[in-house]
Amino acid sequence: MSVTVADGAAKATRREWIGLLILSIACLIYSMDLSVLFLAMPAIVADLDPSATQLLWINDIYGFMVAGFLVTMGTLGDRIGRRKVLLIGAFFFGAASVFAAFANTASMLIVARALLGIAGATIAPSTLSLVVNLFRDEHERNRAISVWGTAFALGGLIGPLIGGLLLQYFHWGSVFLINVPIMAALLASAPFLLPEYKDENAGRLDLFSVLLSLLTVLPVVYGFKKMAAEGFEPIQLVPVLFGLAVGAIFVRRQKVLEHPMIDLALFRIPAFTASLMVNLAGVFFIFGIFLFQNLFLQLVIGLTPLKAALWSIPSSLVFTVMSFQAWRVTNRLGPVRTVLLGLVVNALGTGLMAIAAWHSSLVGVLGASMIMGLGFVPVILTTTGLIVGTAPPERAGSASAISETSAEFGGALGVAVLGSLGTLFYRFGMQDADLTGLSGSDQTSVTSALGTALEVACNTGNDAAPWIDLAKASYAGGFALCCALATLTLLLLAAIAARVYARTELDESRIGGH
């Protein structure tokens, strides 16, 4: 039976909080699957012997499918029911996990990972829209969204730990089989704990719009990921431009459909659009900067991957704890002030990160990342709440999907753009390097990227070559430049957001009330 969301702020009962726990566990598993595969790759390579191209697709296809199907699954939830879409997704997620665990060829594993991504795309928008519908009181909803966000943070934190433990004693397929009992528990409990929500007036899903949305999202994300992995080349703009062109056709089609896949009227709500832009920008900079940070710890400071991971635990804990406690900040300050203050704190963190990177300070970089977490987490969770809260309740699934797709775009774009900017600065810094004694190919490698420069130093026995210090300084300079750019952009964004929110005359006590 469908439940119509009425005005008011009814308090949640024990049933809603238990339902939130079930939803959060599903989110944790979804998040774990984004990271746990990396640990299993050596065993997969030894067992399945994939080609280089197959190896890339095993790694990337899950994220591609999630990004491509988020909008479709969110909109489908509004039409046929968010609980129904979540349960269908959970069933196929469990089935695809079994398929992946027992795959005996690289091609089978690629197909299994693609199916996992499609099923996984049901989880984020369905769970978020259900959280919004379950918790009608603003303060309780802020707390519930914090718990929801904590599940994603915990998944990224404990995924490698659980994966490592399983791989120590079991076949690599065990990292997929762990999903099965969790999804079985969700299928058994959700019908009793989660009421159904859907838009009773929604029309049929336009399949051509689904195709257009896929042809918009997938090429753009693919292009950005290629830039991040291989450095910027003009040819990589082809899929991005193709995706944007198809996106323009998609938007035009939504304007003429009686029941559009995405209600473009949402973007005429100033608070919705402003929150979406802040959310995208926050993810853009955090993904890009943390890519720099991970490489900085290993290539510039000289830490082993294990030591770099151990040194990063404090900042990971800050992100996780803040995810769980962000609701307190939002409830005390209100959503608008939380977003604006969080942007300023985030800008302070990136500013300190720029200084620490310039001086190659390990403690400074890690301390700055902790400050970034203090500002970033409340901003992301609060803007997520504003995005779905300012949308009409019957559009919560679509709004949730837009929010998640924006985050996917922001992360891919941040890694690609900031990575390319850092590479450009590195190559500029290495123009005057004295590379006497190196072959032409080695000189090209040294001036292309710090990672390949250190490989040349190791292979040629030039570990003490003077250009090594210059290469490290050039990389640190590119890192600092990107952090400084982030600081200025975040402060400017805070000023713009303040003006937009002020013009909306946003009544914070009515967010999501409608």
Protein backbone atom coordinates (compact mmCIF):
# COMPACT_ATOMS: atom_id res chain seq x y z
CA MET A 1 0.00 0.00 0.00
CA SER A 2 1.33 3.45 -0.88
CA VAL A 3 1.60 6.15 1.73
CA THR A 4 0.87 9.74 0.89
CA VAL A 5 3.22 12.19 2.57
CA ALA A 6 1.20 14.80 4.37
CA ASP A 7 2.17 18.08 5.87
CA GLY A 8 3.31 18.03 9.48
CA ALA A 9 6.27 16.78 11.44
CA ALA A 10 5.22 13.42 12.90
CA LYS A 11 7.91 11.91 15.11
CA ALA A 12 9.54 8.70 13.97
CA THR A 13 8.83 5.49 15.85
CA ARG A 14 11.11 2.55 16.55
CA ARG A 15 9.99 1.02 13.25
CA GLU A 16 11.42 3.96 11.26
CA TRP A 17 14.75 3.84 13.08
CA ILE A 18 15.07 0.08 12.53
CA GLY A 19 14.18 0.69 8.88
CA LEU A 20 16.98 3.26 8.73
CA LEU A 21 19.40 0.64 10.08
CA ILE A 22 18.43 -1.76 7.29
CA LEU A 23 18.82 0.96 4.65
CA SER A 24 22.22 1.96 6.06
CA ILE A 25 23.55 -1.60 5.92
CA ALA A 26 22.56 -1.76 2.25
CA CYS A 27 24.44 1.52 1.65
CA LEU A 28 27.50 0.17 3.49
CA ILE A 29 27.63 -2.90 1.22
CA TYR A 30 27.19 -0.71 -1.87
CA SER A 31 30.07 1.53 -0.72
CA MET A 32 32.30 -1.43 0.13
CA ASP A 33 31.93 -2.78 -3.40
CA LEU A 34 33.46 0.43 -4.77
CA SER A 35 36.77 -0.23 -2.96
CA VAL A 36 37.08 -3.87 -1.96
CA LEU A 37 37.94 -5.12 -5.47
CA PHE A 38 41.32 -3.38 -5.53
CA LEU A 39 42.69 -5.74 -2.87
CA ALA A 40 41.47 -8.78 -4.78
CA MET A 41 43.02 -7.76 -8.10
CA PRO A 42 46.34 -9.65 -7.70
CA ALA A 43 44.45 -12.90 -6.99
CA ILE A 44 42.02 -12.24 -9.85
CA VAL A 45 44.90 -11.58 -12.26
CA ALA A 46 46.62 -14.81 -11.21
CA ASP A 47 43.41 -16.83 -11.56
CA LEU A 48 41.70 -15.37 -14.62
CA ASP A 49 44.70 -13.91 -16.51
CA PRO A 50 42.82 -10.88 -17.92
CA SER A 51 44.29 -8.74 -20.67
CA ALA A 52 45.24 -5.15 -19.87
CA THR A 53 41.96 -3.91 -21.39
CA GLN A 54 39.90 -6.47 -19.49
CA LEU A 55 41.65 -5.48 -16.27
CA LEU A 56 40.63 -1.86 -16.76
CA TRP A 57 37.01 -2.84 -17.40
CA ILE A 58 36.91 -5.11 -14.34
CA ASN A 59 37.95 -2.09 -12.26
CA ASP A 60 35.82 0.59 -13.94
CA ILE A 61 32.61 -0.99 -15.22
CA TYR A 62 30.91 -1.01 -11.79
CA GLY A 63 31.31 2.74 -11.33
CA PHE A 64 30.28 3.43 -14.94
CA MET A 65 27.04 1.45 -14.59
CA VAL A 66 26.20 3.05 -11.24
CA ALA A 67 26.67 6.54 -12.69
CA GLY A 68 24.73 5.74 -15.85
CA PHE A 69 21.66 4.22 -14.18
CA LEU A 70 21.23 6.48 -11.12
CA VAL A 71 18.76 8.83 -12.80
CA THR A 72 16.80 5.95 -14.33
CA MET A 73 16.49 4.08 -11.03
CA GLY A 74 15.59 7.19 -9.05
CA THR A 75 12.87 8.13 -11.51
CA LEU A 76 11.63 4.53 -11.68
CA GLY A 77 11.26 4.56 -7.90
CA ASP A 78 8.98 7.59 -8.10
CA ARG A 79 6.80 5.73 -10.61
CA ILE A 80 6.52 2.15 -9.35
CA GLY A 81 7.58 2.56 -5.71
CA ARG A 82 10.91 3.24 -4.00
CA ARG A 83 10.74 0.16 -1.78
CA LYS A 84 9.93 -2.02 -4.79
CA VAL A 85 12.91 -0.69 -6.76
CA LEU A 86 15.18 -1.16 -3.74
CA LEU A 87 14.06 -4.77 -3.27
CA ILE A 88 14.42 -5.59 -6.96
CA GLY A 89 17.89 -4.04 -6.88
CA ALA A 90 18.82 -5.97 -3.72
CA PHE A 91 17.77 -9.27 -5.30
CA PHE A 92 19.81 -8.71 -8.45
CA PHE A 93 22.74 -7.32 -6.43
CA GLY A 94 22.86 -10.58 -4.48
CA ALA A 95 22.48 -12.68 -7.63
CA ALA A 96 25.17 -10.72 -9.48
CA SER A 97 27.47 -11.10 -6.45
CA VAL A 98 27.17 -14.90 -6.71
CA PHE A 99 27.80 -14.68 -10.46
CA ALA A 100 30.93 -12.55 -9.82
CA ALA A 101 32.22 -14.85 -7.07
CA PHE A 102 32.16 -17.90 -9.33
CA ALA A 103 33.21 -16.23 -12.58
CA ASN A 104 35.84 -18.40 -14.30
CA THR A 105 36.81 -15.99 -17.08
CA ALA A 106 37.63 -12.29 -17.17
CA SER A 107 34.69 -11.64 -19.52
CA MET A 108 32.26 -13.25 -17.08
CA LEU A 109 33.60 -11.10 -14.26
CA ILE A 110 33.20 -7.94 -16.36
CA VAL A 111 29.57 -8.84 -17.08
CA ALA A 112 28.99 -9.60 -13.40
CA ARG A 113 30.49 -6.28 -12.33
CA ALA A 114 28.30 -4.47 -14.88
CA LEU A 115 25.19 -6.17 -13.45
CA LEU A 116 26.34 -5.28 -9.94
CA GLY A 117 26.63 -1.64 -11.00
CA ILE A 118 23.13 -1.57 -12.51
CA ALA A 119 21.67 -3.16 -9.38
CA GLY A 120 23.77 -0.92 -7.16
CA ALA A 121 22.33 2.15 -8.87
CA THR A 122 19.01 1.36 -7.17
CA ILE A 123 20.48 1.67 -3.69
CA ALA A 124 21.60 5.29 -3.26
CA PRO A 125 18.51 7.09 -4.67
CA SER A 126 16.02 4.59 -3.22
CA THR A 127 17.51 4.60 0.26
CA LEU A 128 17.87 8.39 0.38
CA SER A 129 14.33 9.06 -0.84
CA LEU A 130 12.99 6.48 1.64
CA VAL A 131 14.91 8.18 4.46
CA VAL A 132 13.36 11.52 3.52
CA ASN A 133 9.88 9.99 3.47
CA LEU A 134 10.35 8.03 6.69
CA PHE A 135 11.53 11.01 8.74
CA ARG A 136 9.21 14.00 8.39
CA ASP A 137 10.53 15.97 11.35
CA GLU A 138 13.40 18.17 10.15
CA HIS A 139 15.71 17.47 13.09
CA GLU A 140 15.14 13.72 12.89
CA ARG A 141 15.61 13.80 9.13
CA ASN A 142 18.97 15.59 9.53
CA ARG A 143 20.06 12.88 11.94
CA ALA A 144 18.83 10.11 9.63
CA ILE A 145 20.70 11.56 6.65
CA SER A 146 23.84 11.69 8.82
CA VAL A 147 23.44 7.99 9.58
CA TRP A 148 22.85 7.33 5.87
CA GLY A 149 26.04 9.24 5.00
CA THR A 150 28.00 7.45 7.75
CA ALA A 151 27.16 4.12 6.12
CA PHE A 152 28.86 5.23 2.90
CA ALA A 153 31.90 6.54 4.82
CA LEU A 154 32.18 3.33 6.86
CA GLY A 155 31.92 1.23 3.72
CA GLY A 156 34.94 2.97 2.23
CA LEU A 157 36.83 2.67 5.53
CA ILE A 158 36.16 -0.96 6.48
CA GLY A 159 35.79 -2.36 2.96
CA PRO A 160 39.55 -2.84 2.46
CA LEU A 161 39.90 -4.23 6.01
CA ILE A 162 37.17 -6.85 5.56
CA GLY A 163 38.38 -7.61 2.05
CA GLY A 164 41.93 -8.11 3.28
CA LEU A 165 40.75 -10.44 6.04
CA LEU A 166 38.68 -12.55 3.64
CA LEU A 167 41.48 -12.74 1.08
CA GLN A 168 43.87 -13.94 3.77
CA TYR A 169 41.88 -17.14 4.26
CA PHE A 170 39.48 -17.58 1.33
CA HIS A 171 39.16 -17.45 -2.47
CA TRP A 172 38.91 -13.98 -4.02
CA GLY A 173 35.23 -14.63 -4.73
CA SER A 174 34.54 -14.28 -1.00
CA VAL A 175 34.69 -10.47 -1.32
CA PHE A 176 31.52 -10.73 -3.42
CA LEU A 177 29.77 -13.48 -1.44
CA ILE A 178 29.72 -11.30 1.67
CA ASN A 179 27.03 -9.24 -0.09
CA VAL A 180 24.59 -12.15 -0.29
CA PRO A 181 23.48 -12.55 3.37
CA ILE A 182 23.15 -8.77 3.74
CA MET A 183 20.92 -8.46 0.70
CA ALA A 184 18.93 -11.53 1.83
CA ALA A 185 18.32 -9.83 5.19
CA LEU A 186 17.17 -6.68 3.38
CA LEU A 187 14.74 -8.68 1.22
CA ALA A 188 13.33 -10.46 4.29
CA SER A 189 12.89 -7.40 6.51
CA ALA A 190 12.16 -4.44 4.22
CA PRO A 191 8.53 -5.40 3.40
CA PHE A 192 7.72 -5.25 7.11
CA LEU A 193 9.84 -2.25 8.10
CA LEU A 194 9.64 0.07 5.10
CA PRO A 195 6.32 1.41 3.83
CA GLU A 196 5.97 1.98 0.10
CA TYR A 197 6.17 5.46 -1.43
CA LYS A 198 5.51 6.51 -5.00
CA ASP A 199 3.97 9.25 -7.08
CA GLU A 200 0.42 8.11 -7.77
CA ASN A 201 0.13 10.55 -10.69
CA ALA A 202 3.36 9.59 -12.47
CA GLY A 203 3.10 8.40 -16.06
CA ARG A 204 5.00 5.61 -17.79
CA LEU A 205 8.78 5.68 -17.91
CA ASP A 206 9.95 7.00 -21.29
CA LEU A 207 12.43 4.38 -22.53
CA PHE A 208 13.94 6.72 -25.12
CA SER A 209 14.76 9.15 -22.30
CA VAL A 210 16.43 6.29 -20.44
CA LEU A 211 18.62 5.62 -23.49
CA LEU A 212 19.44 9.33 -23.84
CA SER A 213 20.35 9.59 -20.15
CA LEU A 214 22.76 6.65 -20.50
CA LEU A 215 24.32 8.14 -23.64
CA THR A 216 24.76 11.41 -21.72
CA VAL A 217 26.27 10.16 -18.48
CA LEU A 218 28.42 7.22 -19.59
CA PRO A 219 30.53 8.99 -22.28
CA VAL A 220 31.13 12.02 -20.05
CA VAL A 221 32.25 9.94 -17.06
CA TYR A 222 34.35 7.73 -19.36
CA GLY A 223 36.09 10.77 -20.88
CA PHE A 224 36.89 12.27 -17.49
CA LYS A 225 38.23 8.97 -16.17
CA LYS A 226 40.47 8.61 -19.24
CA MET A 227 41.85 12.10 -18.59
CA ALA A 228 42.53 11.20 -14.96
CA ALA A 229 44.23 7.91 -15.81
CA GLU A 230 46.28 8.94 -18.84
CA GLY A 231 46.65 12.73 -18.64
CA PHE A 232 44.80 15.20 -20.83
CA GLU A 233 44.74 14.57 -24.57
CA PRO A 234 42.41 16.41 -26.99
CA ILE A 235 40.97 13.11 -28.26
CA GLN A 236 39.55 12.46 -24.78
CA LEU A 237 37.18 15.40 -25.26
CA VAL A 238 35.33 13.49 -27.98
CA PRO A 239 33.26 11.28 -25.63
CA VAL A 240 32.69 14.23 -23.29
CA LEU A 241 31.38 16.45 -26.11
CA PHE A 242 29.28 13.59 -27.46
CA GLY A 243 27.72 13.08 -24.04
CA LEU A 244 27.00 16.79 -23.64
CA ALA A 245 25.38 16.91 -27.10
CA VAL A 246 23.14 13.97 -26.26
CA GLY A 247 22.42 15.66 -22.93
CA ALA A 248 21.08 18.70 -24.77
CA ILE A 249 18.72 16.40 -26.73
CA PHE A 250 17.68 14.75 -23.46
CA VAL A 251 16.80 18.12 -21.90
CA ARG A 252 14.77 19.17 -24.96
CA ARG A 253 12.82 15.92 -24.84
CA GLN A 254 12.01 16.40 -21.14
CA LYS A 255 10.49 19.80 -21.94
CA VAL A 256 7.90 18.33 -24.30
CA LEU A 257 6.99 15.12 -22.46
CA GLU A 258 3.80 15.10 -20.41
CA HIS A 259 5.53 12.92 -17.80
CA PRO A 260 9.28 13.71 -18.11
CA MET A 261 11.93 11.44 -16.71
CA ILE A 262 13.42 14.44 -14.89
CA ASP A 263 11.18 17.28 -13.81
CA LEU A 264 13.14 20.31 -15.03
CA ALA A 265 10.94 22.48 -12.80
CA LEU A 266 13.14 21.29 -9.92
CA PHE A 267 15.96 23.44 -11.30
CA ARG A 268 13.74 26.51 -11.04
CA ILE A 269 13.77 26.10 -7.26
CA PRO A 270 16.73 28.35 -6.28
CA ALA A 271 17.53 26.44 -3.08
CA PHE A 272 17.55 23.14 -5.02
CA THR A 273 19.90 24.41 -7.73
CA ALA A 274 22.21 26.24 -5.30
CA SER A 275 22.48 23.16 -3.07
CA LEU A 276 23.18 20.97 -6.09
CA MET A 277 26.00 23.25 -7.26
CA VAL A 278 27.54 23.42 -3.77
CA ASN A 279 27.32 19.63 -3.51
CA LEU A 280 28.99 19.13 -6.90
CA ALA A 281 31.77 21.62 -6.13
CA GLY A 282 32.47 20.05 -2.75
CA VAL A 283 32.88 16.59 -4.26
CA PHE A 284 34.89 18.04 -7.16
CA PHE A 285 37.59 19.42 -4.88
CA ILE A 286 37.64 16.68 -2.27
CA PHE A 287 38.16 13.90 -4.84
CA GLY A 288 40.79 15.85 -6.76
CA ILE A 289 42.73 16.91 -3.68
CA PHE A 290 42.66 13.49 -2.05
CA LEU A 291 44.03 11.95 -5.24
CA PHE A 292 46.94 14.38 -4.95
CA GLN A 293 47.30 13.62 -1.25
CA ASN A 294 47.56 9.85 -1.68
CA LEU A 295 50.23 10.19 -4.37
CA PHE A 296 51.99 12.96 -2.41
CA LEU A 297 52.43 10.74 0.66
CA GLN A 298 54.04 7.99 -1.41
CA LEU A 299 55.95 9.84 -4.15
CA VAL A 300 57.08 13.02 -2.39
CA ILE A 301 57.24 12.01 1.28
CA GLY A 302 58.38 8.49 0.38
CA LEU A 303 55.93 6.41 2.43
CA THR A 304 55.09 2.85 1.49
CA PRO A 305 51.44 2.24 0.50
CA LEU A 306 50.82 0.60 3.90
CA LYS A 307 52.36 3.48 5.85
CA ALA A 308 50.47 6.00 3.74
CA ALA A 309 47.22 4.17 4.53
CA LEU A 310 48.05 4.11 8.26
CA TRP A 311 48.89 7.82 8.31
CA SER A 312 45.58 8.54 6.59
CA ILE A 313 43.50 6.77 9.23
CA PRO A 314 43.03 9.90 11.43
CA SER A 315 41.51 11.90 8.57
CA SER A 316 39.35 8.92 7.57
CA LEU A 317 38.07 8.74 11.14
CA VAL A 318 37.26 12.46 11.09
CA PHE A 319 35.17 11.94 7.96
CA THR A 320 33.37 8.97 9.51
CA VAL A 321 32.72 10.59 12.90
CA MET A 322 31.60 13.84 11.28
CA SER A 323 29.22 11.90 9.05
CA PHE A 324 27.58 10.47 12.17
CA GLN A 325 27.53 13.79 14.07
CA ALA A 326 26.81 16.27 11.26
CA TRP A 327 23.11 16.34 12.16
CA ARG A 328 23.95 18.05 15.46
CA VAL A 329 25.62 20.91 13.59
CA THR A 330 22.73 21.20 11.14
CA ASN A 331 20.09 21.13 13.87
CA ARG A 332 21.92 23.73 15.95
CA LEU A 333 22.84 26.17 13.16
CA GLY A 334 20.15 25.42 10.59
CA PRO A 335 20.88 24.08 7.09
CA VAL A 336 21.84 27.36 5.42
CA ARG A 337 24.31 28.49 8.07
CA THR A 338 25.74 24.97 8.22
CA VAL A 339 26.42 24.99 4.47
CA LEU A 340 28.00 28.46 4.51
CA LEU A 341 30.15 27.81 7.59
CA GLY A 342 31.17 24.40 6.22
CA LEU A 343 32.33 25.97 2.97
CA VAL A 344 34.48 28.45 4.89
CA VAL A 345 35.99 25.70 7.07
CA ASN A 346 36.60 23.58 3.98
CA ALA A 347 38.31 26.57 2.34
CA LEU A 348 40.47 26.98 5.47
CA GLY A 349 41.49 23.32 5.17
CA THR A 350 42.41 23.61 1.50
CA GLY A 351 44.35 26.82 2.22
CA LEU A 352 46.37 25.05 4.93
CA MET A 353 46.79 22.10 2.57
CA ALA A 354 48.30 24.43 -0.04
CA ILE A 355 50.85 25.73 2.48
CA ALA A 356 51.68 22.22 3.73
CA ALA A 357 52.04 20.87 0.19
CA TRP A 358 54.34 23.73 -0.81
CA HIS A 359 56.59 22.96 2.16
CA SER A 360 56.22 19.15 1.73
CA SER A 361 55.00 18.74 5.31
CA LEU A 362 53.54 15.33 6.17
CA VAL A 363 51.92 16.47 9.42
CA GLY A 364 50.65 19.64 7.76
CA VAL A 365 48.97 17.78 4.90
CA LEU A 366 47.28 15.26 7.18
CA GLY A 367 46.19 17.97 9.64
CA ALA A 368 44.73 20.01 6.79
CA SER A 369 42.81 16.99 5.48
CA MET A 370 41.21 16.60 8.91
CA ILE A 371 40.09 20.24 8.85
CA MET A 372 38.70 19.72 5.34
CA GLY A 373 36.67 16.81 6.68
CA LEU A 374 35.22 19.00 9.44
CA GLY A 375 33.88 21.38 6.81
CA PHE A 376 33.16 19.05 3.89
CA VAL A 377 30.98 16.43 5.58
CA PRO A 378 28.33 18.80 7.01
CA VAL A 379 28.19 20.63 3.67
CA ILE A 380 27.63 17.46 1.64
CA LEU A 381 25.07 15.91 3.96
CA THR A 382 23.19 19.16 4.51
CA THR A 383 23.04 20.06 0.82
CA THR A 384 21.88 16.50 0.14
CA GLY A 385 19.07 17.09 2.61
CA LEU A 386 18.23 20.43 0.99
CA ILE A 387 18.21 18.92 -2.51
CA VAL A 388 15.68 16.25 -1.62
CA GLY A 389 13.90 18.40 0.99
CA THR A 390 13.14 21.32 -1.30
CA ALA A 391 11.79 18.99 -4.01
CA PRO A 392 8.12 17.93 -3.84
CA PRO A 393 7.76 14.60 -1.94
CA GLU A 394 6.54 12.78 -5.07
CA ARG A 395 9.81 13.76 -6.80
CA ALA A 396 12.11 12.63 -3.94
CA GLY A 397 13.45 9.66 -5.91
CA SER A 398 14.28 11.79 -8.95
CA ALA A 399 15.84 14.49 -6.75
CA SER A 400 17.93 11.87 -4.92
CA ALA A 401 19.15 10.46 -8.23
CA ILE A 402 20.07 13.93 -9.49
CA SER A 403 22.03 14.51 -6.28
CA GLU A 404 23.93 11.22 -6.60
CA THR A 405 24.60 11.70 -10.32
CA SER A 406 25.91 15.19 -9.60
CA ALA A 407 28.31 13.69 -7.05
CA GLU A 408 29.50 11.11 -9.61
CA PHE A 409 30.12 13.88 -12.14
CA GLY A 410 31.83 16.04 -9.54
CA GLY A 411 34.21 13.30 -8.46
CA ALA A 412 35.18 12.27 -12.00
CA LEU A 413 35.53 15.88 -13.11
CA GLY A 414 37.59 16.87 -10.05
CA VAL A 415 40.09 14.06 -10.51
CA ALA A 416 40.42 14.79 -14.25
CA VAL A 417 40.61 18.59 -14.14
CA LEU A 418 42.76 19.00 -11.03
CA GLY A 419 44.94 16.08 -12.08
CA SER A 420 45.50 17.68 -15.49
CA LEU A 421 46.24 21.06 -13.90
CA GLY A 422 48.77 19.50 -11.55
CA THR A 423 50.42 17.64 -14.44
CA LEU A 424 50.64 20.88 -16.42
CA PHE A 425 52.37 22.64 -13.50
CA TYR A 426 54.74 19.68 -13.07
CA ARG A 427 55.80 19.74 -16.71
CA PHE A 428 56.29 23.52 -16.56
CA GLY A 429 58.48 23.12 -13.48
CA MET A 430 60.62 20.45 -15.17
CA GLN A 431 61.38 22.52 -18.29
CA ASP A 432 64.79 23.65 -17.00
CA ALA A 433 65.80 20.34 -15.38
CA ASP A 434 69.32 19.14 -16.18
CA LEU A 435 68.74 15.67 -17.60
CA THR A 436 72.22 15.15 -18.99
CA GLY A 437 73.07 11.47 -19.32
CA LEU A 438 69.50 10.27 -19.80
CA SER A 439 68.21 8.82 -23.05
CA GLY A 440 65.52 10.65 -25.02
CA SER A 441 62.78 8.27 -23.83
CA ASP A 442 63.92 8.57 -20.21
CA GLN A 443 63.94 12.36 -20.48
CA THR A 444 60.36 12.26 -21.73
CA SER A 445 59.37 10.01 -18.83
CA VAL A 446 61.04 12.27 -16.27
CA THR A 447 59.32 15.41 -17.54
CA SER A 448 55.90 13.75 -17.93
CA ALA A 449 55.01 12.77 -14.36
CA LEU A 450 56.63 12.28 -10.97
CA GLY A 451 55.76 8.57 -10.85
CA THR A 452 57.57 7.80 -14.09
CA ALA A 453 60.45 10.08 -13.06
CA LEU A 454 61.04 8.01 -9.92
CA GLU A 455 60.86 4.82 -11.99
CA VAL A 456 63.60 6.17 -14.27
CA ALA A 457 65.70 7.08 -11.24
CA CYS A 458 65.31 3.57 -9.86
CA ASN A 459 65.99 1.82 -13.18
CA THR A 460 69.07 3.91 -14.01
CA GLY A 461 70.52 3.97 -10.49
CA ASN A 462 70.20 7.79 -10.33
CA ASP A 463 68.43 7.87 -6.96
CA ALA A 464 70.48 10.90 -5.93
CA ALA A 465 70.15 12.79 -9.23
CA PRO A 466 69.56 16.54 -8.71
CA TRP A 467 66.43 16.53 -10.89
CA ILE A 468 64.66 14.23 -8.40
CA ASP A 469 64.31 17.06 -5.87
CA LEU A 470 63.09 19.37 -8.63
CA ALA A 471 60.54 16.74 -9.74
CA LYS A 472 59.20 16.37 -6.20
CA ALA A 473 59.07 20.14 -5.74
CA SER A 474 57.22 20.53 -9.05
CA TYR A 475 54.62 17.95 -8.03
CA ALA A 476 54.22 19.60 -4.62
CA GLY A 477 53.85 22.96 -6.38
CA GLY A 478 51.06 21.61 -8.60
CA PHE A 479 49.35 20.17 -5.52
CA ALA A 480 49.61 23.52 -3.74
CA LEU A 481 48.27 25.39 -6.76
CA CYS A 482 45.17 23.17 -6.96
CA CYS A 483 44.55 23.61 -3.22
CA ALA A 484 44.87 27.39 -3.53
CA LEU A 485 42.41 27.34 -6.43
CA ALA A 486 40.04 25.29 -4.28
CA THR A 487 40.29 27.83 -1.46
CA LEU A 488 39.37 30.77 -3.66
CA THR A 489 36.56 28.86 -5.40
CA LEU A 490 35.01 27.63 -2.15
CA LEU A 491 35.02 31.13 -0.64
CA LEU A 492 33.45 32.55 -3.81
CA LEU A 493 30.89 29.76 -3.77
CA ALA A 494 30.02 30.56 -0.15
CA ALA A 495 29.37 34.19 -1.09
CA ILE A 496 27.19 33.22 -4.06
CA ALA A 497 25.29 30.61 -2.06
CA ALA A 498 24.62 33.12 0.71
CA ARG A 499 23.01 35.51 -1.79
CA VAL A 500 20.93 32.76 -3.43
CA TYR A 501 19.68 31.34 -0.14
CA ALA A 502 18.88 34.85 1.10
CA ARG A 503 16.79 35.57 -2.02
CA THR A 504 14.80 32.36 -1.56
CA GLU A 505 13.74 33.50 1.91
CA LEU A 506 14.20 29.88 2.90
CA ASP A 507 12.15 28.98 5.95
CA GLU A 508 14.44 26.37 7.49
CA SER A 509 11.68 24.95 9.65
CA ARG A 510 9.76 23.93 6.51
CA ILE A 511 12.46 22.13 4.52
CA GLY A 512 10.79 19.06 3.13
CA GLY A 513 7.45 19.98 4.64
CA HIS A 514 5.56 20.91 1.48
